[in-house]
C-alpha atoms as a PDB file:
ATOM      1  CA  UNK A   1     118.967  86.647 109.528  1.00  0.00           C
ATOM      2  CA  UNK A   2     116.866  88.871 111.196  1.00  0.00           C
ATOM      3  CA  UNK A   3     116.443  93.057 111.829  1.00  0.00           C
ATOM      4  CA  UNK A   4     117.492  92.945 115.594  1.00  0.00           C
ATOM      5  CA  UNK A   5     116.512  95.715 118.473  1.00  0.00           C
ATOM      6  CA  UNK A   6     119.697  98.391 116.672  1.00  0.00           C
ATOM      7  CA  UNK A   7     117.643  97.965 113.094  1.00  0.00           C
ATOM      8  CA  UNK A   8     121.256  95.501 112.206  1.00  0.00           C
ATOM      9  CA  UNK A   9     121.290  92.278 110.191  1.00  0.00           C
ATOM     10  CA  UNK A  10     122.146  89.471 112.580  1.00  0.00           C
ATOM     11  CA  UNK A  11     123.284  86.074 110.759  1.00  0.00           C
ATOM     12  CA  UNK A  12     121.732  82.719 112.682  1.00  0.00           C
ATOM     13  CA  UNK A  13     123.095  79.164 113.119  1.00  0.00           C
ATOM     14  CA  UNK A  14     121.651  76.800 110.882  1.00  0.00           C
ATOM     15  CA  UNK A  15     120.955  74.802 113.425  1.00  0.00           C
ATOM     16  CA  UNK A  16     118.619  77.765 115.203  1.00  0.00           C
ATOM     17  CA  UNK A  17     114.895  76.732 115.157  1.00  0.00           C
ATOM     18  CA  UNK A  18     112.548  78.407 113.333  1.00  0.00           C
ATOM     19  CA  UNK A  19     109.512  78.939 113.426  1.00  0.00           C
ATOM     20  CA  UNK A  20     106.807  77.353 110.811  1.00  0.00           C
ATOM     21  CA  UNK A  21     104.007  78.880 111.979  1.00  0.00           C
ATOM     22  CA  UNK A  22     102.031  75.867 113.093  1.00  0.00           C
ATOM     23  CA  UNK A  23      99.887  76.136 115.659  1.00  0.00           C
ATOM     24  CA  UNK A  24      97.563  73.618 117.751  1.00  0.00           C
ATOM     25  CA  UNK A  25      95.510  75.850 119.979  1.00  0.00           C
ATOM     26  CA  UNK A  26      92.773  74.531 122.695  1.00  0.00           C
ATOM     27  CA  UNK A  27      89.342  76.712 122.926  1.00  0.00           C
ATOM     28  CA  UNK A  28      90.350  78.362 125.400  1.00  0.00           C
ATOM     29  CA  UNK A  29      92.302  80.815 123.490  1.00  0.00           C
ATOM     30  CA  UNK A  30      89.360  82.444 121.320  1.00  0.00           C
ATOM     31  CA  UNK A  31      88.576  84.520 124.558  1.00  0.00           C
ATOM     32  CA  UNK A  32      92.490  86.031 124.387  1.00  0.00           C
ATOM     33  CA  UNK A  33      92.323  85.740 120.829  1.00  0.00           C
ATOM     34  CA  UNK A  34      89.184  88.012 120.286  1.00  0.00           C
ATOM     35  CA  UNK A  35      90.009  90.562 122.840  1.00  0.00           C
ATOM     36  CA  UNK A  36      93.273  91.246 121.362  1.00  0.00           C
ATOM     37  CA  UNK A  37      91.659  91.128 117.582  1.00  0.00           C
ATOM     38  CA  UNK A  38      89.266  93.541 119.351  1.00  0.00           C
ATOM     39  CA  UNK A  39      91.955  95.828 120.421  1.00  0.00           C
ATOM     40  CA  UNK A  40      94.151  95.977 116.801  1.00  0.00           C
ATOM     41  CA  UNK A  41      90.555  96.995 115.503  1.00  0.00           C
ATOM     42  CA  UNK A  42      90.565  99.484 118.020  1.00  0.00           C
ATOM     43  CA  UNK A  43      93.625 100.642 117.410  1.00  0.00           C
ATOM     44  CA  UNK A  44      93.645  99.711 113.509  1.00  0.00           C
ATOM     45  CA  UNK A  45      90.344 100.493 112.542  1.00  0.00           C
ATOM     46  CA  UNK A  46      89.711 100.602 108.923  1.00  0.00           C
ATOM     47  CA  UNK A  47      93.348 100.907 107.930  1.00  0.00           C
ATOM     48  CA  UNK A  48      93.326  98.691 104.463  1.00  0.00           C
ATOM     49  CA  UNK A  49      97.282  98.306 105.100  1.00  0.00           C
ATOM     50  CA  UNK A  50      97.546  97.230 108.903  1.00  0.00           C
ATOM     51  CA  UNK A  51      97.189  93.077 109.428  1.00  0.00           C
ATOM     52  CA  UNK A  52      96.630  91.053 112.371  1.00  0.00           C
ATOM     53  CA  UNK A  53      98.089  87.594 112.373  1.00  0.00           C
ATOM     54  CA  UNK A  54      98.606  84.811 114.462  1.00  0.00           C
ATOM     55  CA  UNK A  55     102.421  84.955 115.198  1.00  0.00           C
ATOM     56  CA  UNK A  56     102.236  89.001 116.226  1.00  0.00           C
ATOM     57  CA  UNK A  57      99.024  87.508 118.591  1.00  0.00           C
ATOM     58  CA  UNK A  58     101.019  84.750 119.884  1.00  0.00           C
ATOM     59  CA  UNK A  59     104.395  87.296 120.504  1.00  0.00           C
ATOM     60  CA  UNK A  60     101.871  89.494 122.409  1.00  0.00           C
ATOM     61  CA  UNK A  61     100.650  86.766 124.370  1.00  0.00           C
ATOM     62  CA  UNK A  62     104.129  85.418 124.784  1.00  0.00           C
ATOM     63  CA  UNK A  63     105.061  89.010 126.053  1.00  0.00           C
ATOM     64  CA  UNK A  64     101.988  88.986 128.930  1.00  0.00           C
ATOM     65  CA  UNK A  65     103.012  85.820 130.178  1.00  0.00           C
ATOM     66  CA  UNK A  66     101.601  82.624 128.265  1.00  0.00           C
ATOM     67  CA  UNK A  67     104.094  79.732 127.931  1.00  0.00           C
ATOM     68  CA  UNK A  68     103.864  77.352 124.836  1.00  0.00           C
ATOM     69  CA  UNK A  69     105.376  74.027 124.270  1.00  0.00           C
ATOM     70  CA  UNK A  70     107.680  73.873 121.072  1.00  0.00           C
ATOM     71  CA  UNK A  71     107.835  70.621 118.738  1.00  0.00           C
ATOM     72  CA  UNK A  72     110.960  70.033 117.043  1.00  0.00           C
ATOM     73  CA  UNK A  73     111.238  68.361 113.713  1.00  0.00           C
ATOM     74  CA  UNK A  74     113.713  67.398 111.148  1.00  0.00           C
ATOM     75  CA  UNK A  75     111.771  68.946 108.466  1.00  0.00           C
ATOM     76  CA  UNK A  76     113.654  71.743 106.059  1.00  0.00           C
ATOM     77  CA  UNK A  77     112.080  75.141 106.010  1.00  0.00           C
ATOM     78  CA  UNK A  78     110.681  75.688 101.805  1.00  0.00           C
ATOM     79  CA  UNK A  79     110.573  78.928 101.465  1.00  0.00           C
ATOM     80  CA  UNK A  80     107.328  80.472  99.103  1.00  0.00           C
ATOM     81  CA  UNK A  81     108.393  84.180  99.892  1.00  0.00           C
ATOM     82  CA  UNK A  82     108.408  85.574  96.132  1.00  0.00           C
ATOM     83  CA  UNK A  83     108.051  84.316  92.435  1.00  0.00           C
ATOM     84  CA  UNK A  84     111.522  82.767  92.509  1.00  0.00           C
ATOM     85  CA  UNK A  85     110.887  80.859  95.223  1.00  0.00           C
ATOM     86  CA  UNK A  86     108.431  78.483  93.554  1.00  0.00           C
ATOM     87  CA  UNK A  87     110.383  76.232  91.248  1.00  0.00           C
ATOM     88  CA  UNK A  88     112.622  75.255  94.094  1.00  0.00           C
ATOM     89  CA  UNK A  89     109.994  74.705  96.511  1.00  0.00           C
ATOM     90  CA  UNK A  90     107.608  72.671  93.348  1.00  0.00           C
ATOM     91  CA  UNK A  91     110.283  70.273  92.915  1.00  0.00           C
ATOM     92  CA  UNK A  92     110.818  70.263  96.628  1.00  0.00           C
ATOM     93  CA  UNK A  93     107.358  69.259  97.228  1.00  0.00           C
ATOM     94  CA  UNK A  94     108.019  66.173  94.347  1.00  0.00           C
ATOM     95  CA  UNK A  95     110.857  64.944  96.032  1.00  0.00           C
ATOM     96  CA  UNK A  96     108.619  64.288  99.295  1.00  0.00           C
ATOM     97  CA  UNK A  97     106.014  62.523  97.220  1.00  0.00           C
ATOM     98  CA  UNK A  98     108.817  60.512  95.621  1.00  0.00           C
ATOM     99  CA  UNK A  99     110.208  59.742  98.446  1.00  0.00           C
ATOM    100  CA  UNK A 100     106.350  58.929 100.318  1.00  0.00           C
ATOM    101  CA  UNK A 101     106.818  61.206 102.364  1.00  0.00           C
ATOM    102  CA  UNK A 102     103.783  63.576 101.342  1.00  0.00           C
ATOM    103  CA  UNK A 103     101.220  61.691  99.751  1.00  0.00           C
ATOM    104  CA  UNK A 104     100.153  62.409  96.040  1.00  0.00           C
ATOM    105  CA  UNK A 105      97.119  64.119  96.221  1.00  0.00           C
ATOM    106  CA  UNK A 106      96.773  65.828 100.164  1.00  0.00           C
ATOM    107  CA  UNK A 107      93.208  66.199  99.589  1.00  0.00           C
ATOM    108  CA  UNK A 108      90.113  65.842  97.199  1.00  0.00           C
ATOM    109  CA  UNK A 109      87.123  67.817  96.552  1.00  0.00           C
ATOM    110  CA  UNK A 110      84.023  66.272  96.623  1.00  0.00           C
ATOM    111  CA  UNK A 111      80.937  67.033  95.627  1.00  0.00           C
ATOM    112  CA  UNK A 112      80.100  69.983  98.763  1.00  0.00           C
END
């Protein structure tokens, strides 16, 4: 569900694409990112409740005409929004590990 421009909750079709918030950028994005971040700081100052996020930045860039490519995946979204979601996410990740979709260890710490 999402909150529309009339402040009403609207349901989505189960086949609707969603953002997994996974982005790949080329180095030329950093000029725009720096400019938008500087504008954010100028507007928000030292307000510790304000946030600057990549999705908000990308929405701004798309509104300015930036074209983005999307990649579809059959992966299912896992919500880790509240503490109640934790056990379901753990179970799904363990299932993906058992099936060989995910490796047992994503990385190992080495002496840095």
